[in-house]
Protein backbone atom coordinates (compact mmCIF):
# COMPACT_ATOMS: atom_id res chain seq x y z
CA MET A 1 204.29 166.95 63.70
CA GLY A 2 203.31 164.30 61.16
CA SER A 3 205.33 161.10 61.30
CA THR A 4 208.25 162.48 63.31
CA PRO A 5 209.18 160.57 66.45
CA LYS A 6 207.55 163.34 68.45
CA GLY A 7 204.42 163.08 66.31
CA LEU A 8 204.21 159.32 66.79
CA LEU A 9 204.34 159.70 70.55
CA HIS A 10 201.75 162.46 70.42
CA GLU A 11 199.36 160.31 68.42
CA ALA A 12 199.76 157.37 70.80
CA MET A 13 199.09 159.64 73.79
CA MET A 14 196.01 160.94 72.00
CA LEU A 15 194.77 157.30 72.04
CA GLY A 16 195.42 156.92 68.34
CA ALA A 17 197.21 154.28 66.28
CA PRO A 18 200.37 155.88 64.84
CA ALA A 19 202.03 154.60 61.66
CA ARG A 20 204.50 152.72 63.83
CA VAL A 21 204.58 152.06 67.54
CA PRO A 22 206.76 154.67 69.28
CA VAL A 23 209.47 153.54 71.66
CA MET A 24 210.89 155.41 74.63
CA CYS A 25 212.27 154.05 77.91
CA GLN A 26 213.07 155.49 81.27
CA LEU A 27 216.71 154.78 82.01
CA ALA A 28 218.30 154.38 85.42
CA ILE A 29 220.82 157.13 86.08
CA GLY A 30 223.46 154.44 86.43
CA HIS A 31 222.68 153.13 82.94
CA THR A 32 223.05 156.61 81.47
CA LEU A 33 226.37 157.13 83.26
CA LEU A 34 227.80 153.77 82.24
CA ASN A 35 226.85 154.18 78.60
CA THR A 36 227.79 157.81 77.98
CA GLY A 37 231.07 158.15 79.87
CA THR A 38 229.69 161.11 81.83
CA HIS A 39 231.51 161.65 85.11
CA PRO A 40 228.98 161.23 87.96
CA VAL A 41 230.12 164.42 89.69
CA ASP A 42 229.49 166.40 86.50
CA PHE A 43 226.09 164.71 86.09
CA PHE A 44 225.23 165.80 89.64
CA LEU A 45 226.51 169.38 89.48
CA SER A 46 226.22 170.48 85.83
CA SER A 47 222.99 171.07 83.90
CA GLU A 48 224.98 170.94 80.68
CA ALA A 49 226.53 167.55 81.46
CA TYR A 50 223.16 166.26 82.61
CA ALA A 51 221.40 167.38 79.41
CA ASP A 52 224.15 166.16 77.11
CA ALA A 53 224.10 162.71 78.73
CA LEU A 54 220.34 162.44 78.18
CA LEU A 55 220.76 163.45 74.54
CA ALA A 56 223.59 160.97 74.04
CA VAL A 57 221.68 158.01 75.43
CA ARG A 58 218.60 158.88 73.35
CA ALA A 59 220.78 158.78 70.27
CA LEU A 60 222.39 155.52 71.39
CA TYR A 61 219.00 153.76 71.33
CA ASP A 62 217.21 155.94 68.75
CA PHE A 63 214.34 156.55 71.15
CA ASP A 64 211.50 158.78 70.03
CA GLY A 65 211.71 160.99 73.09
CA ILE A 66 213.76 162.03 76.11
CA LEU A 67 212.68 161.95 79.75
CA ILE A 68 214.17 164.66 81.97
CA HIS A 69 213.98 163.25 85.48
CA LYS A 70 214.97 166.21 87.62
CA PRO A 71 215.36 170.01 87.51
CA GLY A 72 218.45 171.78 86.26
CA ARG A 73 221.34 171.92 88.70
CA GLU A 74 221.57 174.74 91.22
CA PRO A 75 224.51 177.06 90.41
CA GLY A 76 224.71 178.13 94.05
CA PHE A 77 225.18 174.57 95.28
CA ARG A 78 228.94 174.95 94.94
CA GLU A 79 228.97 177.58 97.68
CA ILE A 80 228.28 174.88 100.26
CA VAL A 81 230.89 172.49 98.82
CA ASP A 82 234.06 171.98 100.87
CA ARG A 83 235.91 169.78 98.38
CA ILE A 84 235.32 167.29 95.58
CA GLU A 85 237.09 163.96 95.21
CA ARG A 86 236.42 163.09 91.58
CA ASP A 87 238.57 159.96 91.79
CA GLY A 88 237.23 158.78 95.11
CA ARG A 89 235.63 155.39 95.61
CA PRO A 90 232.97 156.52 95.05
CA PRO A 91 233.50 160.03 93.69
CA THR A 92 232.24 162.29 96.45
CA VAL A 93 231.18 165.90 96.94
CA TYR A 94 231.97 166.88 100.54
CA LEU A 95 229.88 169.69 101.99
CA LYS A 96 230.91 172.32 104.53
CA ASP A 97 228.46 171.09 107.17
CA GLY A 98 230.06 167.64 107.24
CA SER A 99 227.52 165.94 105.02
CA ARG A 100 228.43 164.54 101.62
CA VAL A 101 226.95 163.43 98.31
CA GLU A 102 228.29 160.15 96.99
CA CYS A 103 228.17 160.28 93.19
CA LEU A 104 228.18 156.61 92.27
CA PRO A 105 229.35 155.76 88.74
CA ASP A 106 226.56 153.20 88.26
CA ASP A 107 223.70 154.46 90.42
CA ASP A 108 221.87 157.52 91.69
CA PRO A 109 223.80 159.98 93.85
CA TYR A 110 223.20 159.59 97.58
CA TYR A 111 223.10 162.25 100.29
CA ARG A 112 224.84 161.22 103.50
CA PRO A 113 224.15 163.61 106.40
CA ALA A 114 226.83 164.51 108.92
CA GLU A 115 224.53 163.19 111.63
CA ALA A 116 221.35 161.13 111.45
CA LEU A 117 218.45 163.28 110.30
CA SER A 118 215.57 163.42 112.74
CA PRO A 119 212.49 165.00 111.20
CA PRO A 120 209.87 165.97 113.76
CA PRO A 121 206.72 163.88 114.05
CA VAL A 122 204.39 164.48 111.14
CA ALA A 123 201.84 165.97 113.56
CA GLU A 124 204.34 168.74 114.31
CA LEU A 125 205.36 169.57 110.73
CA ASP A 126 204.29 172.97 109.49
CA PRO A 127 202.25 172.40 106.30
CA GLU A 128 203.33 175.83 105.08
CA ASP A 129 207.03 175.05 105.57
CA PRO A 130 207.47 171.27 105.68
CA LEU A 131 211.26 171.52 105.38
CA GLY A 132 211.65 174.20 108.02
CA TRP A 133 213.26 171.71 110.40
CA ALA A 134 215.94 170.51 108.00
CA PRO A 135 219.61 171.55 107.64
CA ASP A 136 220.45 173.68 104.62
CA SER A 137 222.35 170.92 102.82
CA PHE A 138 219.33 168.59 103.02
CA VAL A 139 217.00 171.34 101.81
CA ARG A 140 219.28 171.88 98.82
CA TRP A 141 219.49 168.14 98.22
CA CYS A 142 215.68 167.98 98.19
CA ARG A 143 215.64 170.89 95.75
CA HIS A 144 218.04 168.98 93.51
CA LYS A 145 215.57 166.07 93.54
CA GLY A 146 212.59 168.29 92.70
CA THR A 147 211.18 168.87 96.20
CA ALA A 148 211.04 172.61 96.87
CA LEU A 149 208.44 175.03 98.16
CA TYR A 150 207.59 176.75 94.86
CA ARG A 151 203.80 176.89 94.88
CA THR A 152 203.19 178.69 91.58
CA PRO A 153 204.81 178.21 88.16
CA GLU A 154 206.07 181.78 88.30
CA ALA A 155 208.00 181.03 91.51
CA VAL A 156 210.12 178.32 89.87
CA PRO A 157 213.72 179.60 89.53
CA GLY A 158 215.22 179.96 86.08
CA TYR A 159 218.00 177.44 86.60
CA TRP A 160 215.42 174.65 87.03
CA PHE A 161 214.75 174.97 83.28
CA ALA A 162 218.42 174.74 82.20
CA CYS A 163 218.29 171.07 81.22
CA ILE A 164 214.88 171.39 79.53
CA ASP A 165 216.07 174.33 77.44
CA ARG A 166 219.26 172.59 76.33
CA VAL A 167 217.49 169.34 75.47
CA ARG A 168 214.64 171.06 73.64
CA LYS A 169 217.07 173.10 71.56
CA ALA A 170 218.83 169.92 70.45
CA ALA A 171 215.64 167.88 69.99
CA GLY A 172 213.86 170.58 67.99
CA GLU A 173 210.51 169.43 66.66
CA THR A 174 211.84 165.97 65.87
CA TYR A 175 211.96 164.32 69.29
CA ALA A 176 209.55 164.54 72.20
CA VAL A 177 210.68 165.94 75.53
CA HIS A 178 208.98 164.73 78.70
CA GLY A 179 209.36 166.28 82.12
CA GLU A 180 208.85 164.71 85.51
CA VAL A 181 207.45 165.60 88.92
CA ARG A 182 207.24 163.73 92.19
CA SER A 183 203.75 162.85 93.35
CA PRO A 184 202.55 164.56 96.54
CA PHE A 185 202.65 161.22 98.36
CA ASP A 186 206.26 160.73 97.23
CA HIS A 187 207.20 164.18 98.56
CA LEU A 188 205.75 163.18 101.93
CA LEU A 189 207.76 159.97 102.15
CA ASN A 190 210.92 161.69 100.94
CA ILE A 191 210.77 164.35 103.64
CA VAL A 192 209.68 162.37 106.70
CA GLY A 193 210.61 158.79 105.85
CA MET A 194 208.41 155.83 105.03
CA GLU A 195 207.73 154.59 108.54
CA ASN A 196 206.83 158.02 109.89
CA ALA A 197 204.59 158.73 106.92
CA LEU A 198 202.67 155.46 107.11
CA VAL A 199 202.12 155.79 110.85
CA ALA A 200 200.87 159.33 110.29
CA LEU A 201 198.19 158.13 107.87
CA LEU A 202 196.61 156.45 110.89
CA GLU A 203 197.52 158.80 113.72
CA CYS A 204 197.15 162.29 112.25
CA PRO A 205 195.32 162.07 108.89
CA ASP A 206 194.23 165.73 108.99
CA ARG A 207 197.84 166.89 109.17
CA VAL A 208 198.78 164.52 106.34
CA HIS A 209 196.01 165.97 104.17
CA ALA A 210 197.26 169.48 104.94
CA LEU A 211 200.79 168.49 103.94
CA LEU A 212 199.58 166.79 100.77
CA ASN A 213 197.76 169.98 99.81
CA THR A 214 201.06 171.85 100.02
CA PHE A 215 202.90 169.13 98.11
CA THR A 216 200.19 169.17 95.45
CA ASP A 217 200.63 172.91 94.99
CA MET A 218 204.38 172.35 94.61
CA THR A 219 203.99 169.46 92.20
CA ALA A 220 201.38 171.19 90.05
CA ALA A 221 203.49 174.36 89.90
CA TRP A 222 206.55 172.51 88.60
CA ALA A 223 204.47 170.38 86.24
CA VAL A 224 202.76 173.40 84.70
CA ALA A 225 206.07 175.26 84.49
CA GLN A 226 207.57 172.38 82.48
CA ALA A 227 204.55 172.23 80.18
CA ARG A 228 204.78 175.98 79.56
CA ARG A 229 208.51 175.59 78.84
CA GLY A 230 207.75 173.17 76.04
CA CYS A 231 207.60 169.68 77.53
CA ASP A 232 205.13 167.54 75.60
CA ALA A 233 204.20 165.44 78.61
CA VAL A 234 204.88 165.30 82.34
CA LYS A 235 205.44 162.04 84.17
CA ILE A 236 204.07 161.89 87.72
CA SER A 237 206.48 159.69 89.66
CA SER A 238 204.33 157.82 92.16
CA PRO A 239 206.38 154.72 93.00
CA TYR A 240 204.69 153.97 96.31
CA GLY A 241 201.10 153.84 95.04
CA GLY A 242 201.07 150.10 94.35
CA ALA A 243 199.35 147.29 96.23
CA GLY A 244 202.60 146.27 97.89
CA PHE A 245 202.54 149.54 99.80
CA ILE A 246 198.99 150.90 100.19
CA SER A 247 195.50 149.47 99.78
CA ARG A 248 192.84 150.47 97.24
CA ALA A 249 191.03 152.47 99.92
CA GLN A 250 194.22 154.29 100.85
CA TYR A 251 194.94 154.95 97.18
CA SER A 252 191.53 156.55 96.84
CA GLU A 253 192.17 158.79 99.82
CA TRP A 254 195.86 159.65 99.59
CA ILE A 255 196.56 159.54 95.87
CA VAL A 256 193.49 160.10 93.69
CA PRO A 257 192.32 163.61 94.70
CA TYR A 258 195.82 165.07 94.73
CA GLU A 259 197.06 163.59 91.47
CA ARG A 260 193.77 164.65 89.85
CA ARG A 261 194.62 168.27 90.61
CA ILE A 262 198.01 167.81 88.96
CA ALA A 263 196.58 166.08 85.89
CA ASP A 264 193.97 168.81 85.48
CA ALA A 265 196.62 171.52 85.75
CA VAL A 266 198.89 169.85 83.19
CA ARG A 267 196.02 169.38 80.74
CA ALA A 268 195.05 173.04 81.11
CA ALA A 269 198.67 173.94 80.29
CA GLY A 270 198.44 171.98 77.03
CA ALA A 271 200.48 168.86 77.87
CA PHE A 272 199.84 165.20 78.65
CA SER A 273 200.36 163.57 82.02
CA TYR A 274 201.06 159.97 82.89
CA ASP A 275 201.52 158.09 86.13
CA HIS A 276 204.56 155.97 86.98
CA THR A 277 203.72 153.44 89.68
CA CYS A 278 205.89 150.34 90.03
CA GLY A 279 204.95 146.82 90.97
CA ALA A 280 201.46 145.59 91.78
CA ILE A 281 198.90 147.88 90.15
CA GLY A 282 196.69 145.33 88.43
CA ASP A 283 194.05 145.79 91.12
CA ARG A 284 193.83 149.59 90.78
CA LEU A 285 193.88 150.49 87.11
CA ASP A 286 190.37 151.90 87.52
CA LEU A 287 191.51 154.12 90.38
CA MET A 288 194.43 155.36 88.33
CA CYS A 289 191.94 156.37 85.65
CA ASP A 290 190.09 158.34 88.32
CA THR A 291 193.09 160.65 88.73
CA GLY A 292 192.41 162.15 85.30
CA ILE A 293 195.82 161.29 83.89
CA ASP A 294 196.25 160.55 80.18
CA GLY A 295 198.38 157.42 80.53
CA ILE A 296 200.08 154.84 82.73
CA GLU A 297 203.74 153.86 82.70
CA THR A 298 205.38 150.62 83.88
CA LEU A 299 202.58 148.02 84.05
CA ASP A 300 205.09 145.57 85.48
CA PRO A 301 204.37 142.00 84.36
CA PRO A 302 204.63 139.06 86.75
CA PRO A 303 206.79 138.36 88.69
CA LEU A 304 207.77 142.04 89.11
CA GLY A 305 204.17 143.19 89.19
CA THR A 306 200.61 142.06 88.58
CA VAL A 307 199.71 143.41 85.15
CA GLU A 308 198.74 141.15 82.26
CA LEU A 309 199.03 143.42 79.23
CA ALA A 310 196.10 142.01 77.26
CA GLU A 311 193.79 142.53 80.23
CA ALA A 312 195.08 146.04 80.84
CA LYS A 313 194.64 146.93 77.16
CA ALA A 314 191.02 145.79 77.28
CA ARG A 315 190.26 147.64 80.52
CA LEU A 316 191.96 150.87 79.45
CA LYS A 317 190.83 150.99 75.80
CA ASP A 318 189.86 154.53 74.80
CA ARG A 319 190.63 155.72 78.34
CA LEU A 320 194.41 155.84 78.83
CA PHE A 321 197.52 155.23 76.77
CA ILE A 322 199.92 152.54 77.99
CA LYS A 323 203.71 152.75 78.17
CA GLY A 324 205.72 149.74 79.29
CA ASN A 325 205.33 146.08 80.25
CA VAL A 326 208.72 144.79 78.99
CA ASP A 327 210.36 143.22 82.05
CA PRO A 328 213.51 145.30 82.72
CA VAL A 329 215.09 142.69 84.99
CA HIS A 330 214.25 139.18 83.80
CA THR A 331 214.25 140.19 80.11
CA ILE A 332 216.47 143.22 79.48
CA LEU A 333 219.07 142.65 82.19
CA GLU A 334 219.30 138.87 82.42
CA LYS A 335 218.47 137.29 79.06
CA SER A 336 220.50 136.84 75.92
CA THR A 337 219.84 139.26 73.08
CA ALA A 338 217.84 136.67 71.14
CA GLU A 339 215.76 135.76 74.18
CA ALA A 340 215.17 139.43 75.00
CA ARG A 341 214.02 140.07 71.43
CA ALA A 342 211.55 137.18 71.65
CA ASP A 343 210.05 138.62 74.86
CA ILE A 344 209.87 142.09 73.34
CA GLU A 345 208.10 140.70 70.28
CA ARG A 346 205.46 139.10 72.50
CA VAL A 347 204.85 142.36 74.36
CA TYR A 348 204.79 144.27 71.08
CA ALA A 349 202.20 141.94 69.57
CA THR A 350 199.81 142.57 72.45
CA GLY A 351 200.60 146.23 73.08
CA SER A 352 200.42 147.37 69.47
CA GLU A 353 196.96 145.92 68.90
CA GLY A 354 194.59 148.87 68.60
CA GLY A 355 197.18 151.59 69.19
CA GLN A 356 197.42 153.92 72.20
CA TYR A 357 200.64 152.13 73.15
CA ILE A 358 204.30 153.11 73.64
CA LEU A 359 206.81 150.26 73.70
CA SER A 360 208.99 150.55 76.79
CA THR A 361 210.47 148.70 79.69
CA ALA A 362 208.12 148.54 82.64
CA CYS A 363 210.32 150.42 85.10
CA SER A 364 213.79 151.84 84.48
CA VAL A 365 216.37 150.10 82.33
CA PRO A 366 218.81 148.70 84.95
CA PRO A 367 222.30 150.20 85.16
CA LYS A 368 224.12 147.14 83.82
CA ALA A 369 221.55 146.06 81.24
CA PRO A 370 223.31 145.11 77.96
CA PRO A 371 222.85 147.90 75.41
CA ASP A 372 222.19 145.33 72.69
CA ASN A 373 219.17 144.11 74.63
CA VAL A 374 217.84 147.64 75.02
CA ARG A 375 218.26 148.27 71.29
CA GLN A 376 215.98 145.34 70.51
CA MET A 377 212.98 147.52 71.34
CA THR A 378 213.80 150.06 68.66
CA GLU A 379 214.77 147.33 66.21
CA CYS A 380 211.46 145.61 66.91
CA VAL A 381 209.29 148.62 66.08
CA TYR A 382 211.26 149.41 62.93
CA ALA A 383 211.07 145.81 61.77
CA HIS A 384 207.29 145.89 62.07
CA ALA A 385 207.09 149.29 60.39
CA GLY A 386 208.40 147.67 57.19
């Protein structure tokens, strides 16, 4: 791979010091839509439109890699569609059961059920079929978001790879392609809701563990399938693992053993894994290492989070690569281009010391972030490369 963008990312993830610091950001769906002109209904329904938008926004910022958030779109989804209002406010896909998907032009799509969803108590969920209670449209919505009961890589349907295949063909061996999975804990919260899930940790922990075992099988299957399909790395989306949501003790019980199984499976498939946890993680970097992942993404600085980059670099040296720490809100969204560049330069100076670093925003680039501010990250690394 040499000094290609893909090679630079690979070397950083191998805990090396590449010839220049690689740069690659996660982008909010709304940011991609606003800056590519992709219609949100097409982005929701079409694997081709989805892939082409990701390729376009990579080119816009000259990033070294592309993150594919979700699986390819289900061709059969249209059979449950009643009508589509492409010019609605917002554009909306109406489903035959009375539910709808609002395809916002500057945000994620949202599923609106015909009636309030009422999942059974966690104690009554079948660990072998945790979506057995749900209406078909919600099951398909979950599948669209990457939550589906495929427990082996071989069980993953072919259309889930449609975006990966299209992006990889365009990226060739020049640009890295990263896949994504939801963490088992995230699957739990997505299916039963946050309040129900947190109460269940206290009231029926055995059932939660049984469910997390199923979700881990699902997550590992999709992660391995993406690695086998050619993804260089797989991001484990674990947004609720921070100190603002669960304690260190809870992290050790509900996150560590399950994400370790995923990290081990991805490594055995020949790819890297990294954890994406937002917010306050400064108190649990050691526990995140215990999951066996290769790297950590976000490392939100104060006031968004609790990570001081210099401290994290020292604690994680020769253990994990780091991706992030540029404040996506107070720097990229809110500051002038010159002010944003100054902040980025400060992060770069600390992050680049000793290698094993990928310059990136902490969490997603906000939908309405000025493109010129986002470009300052790529311009920064090229300026320092000479």
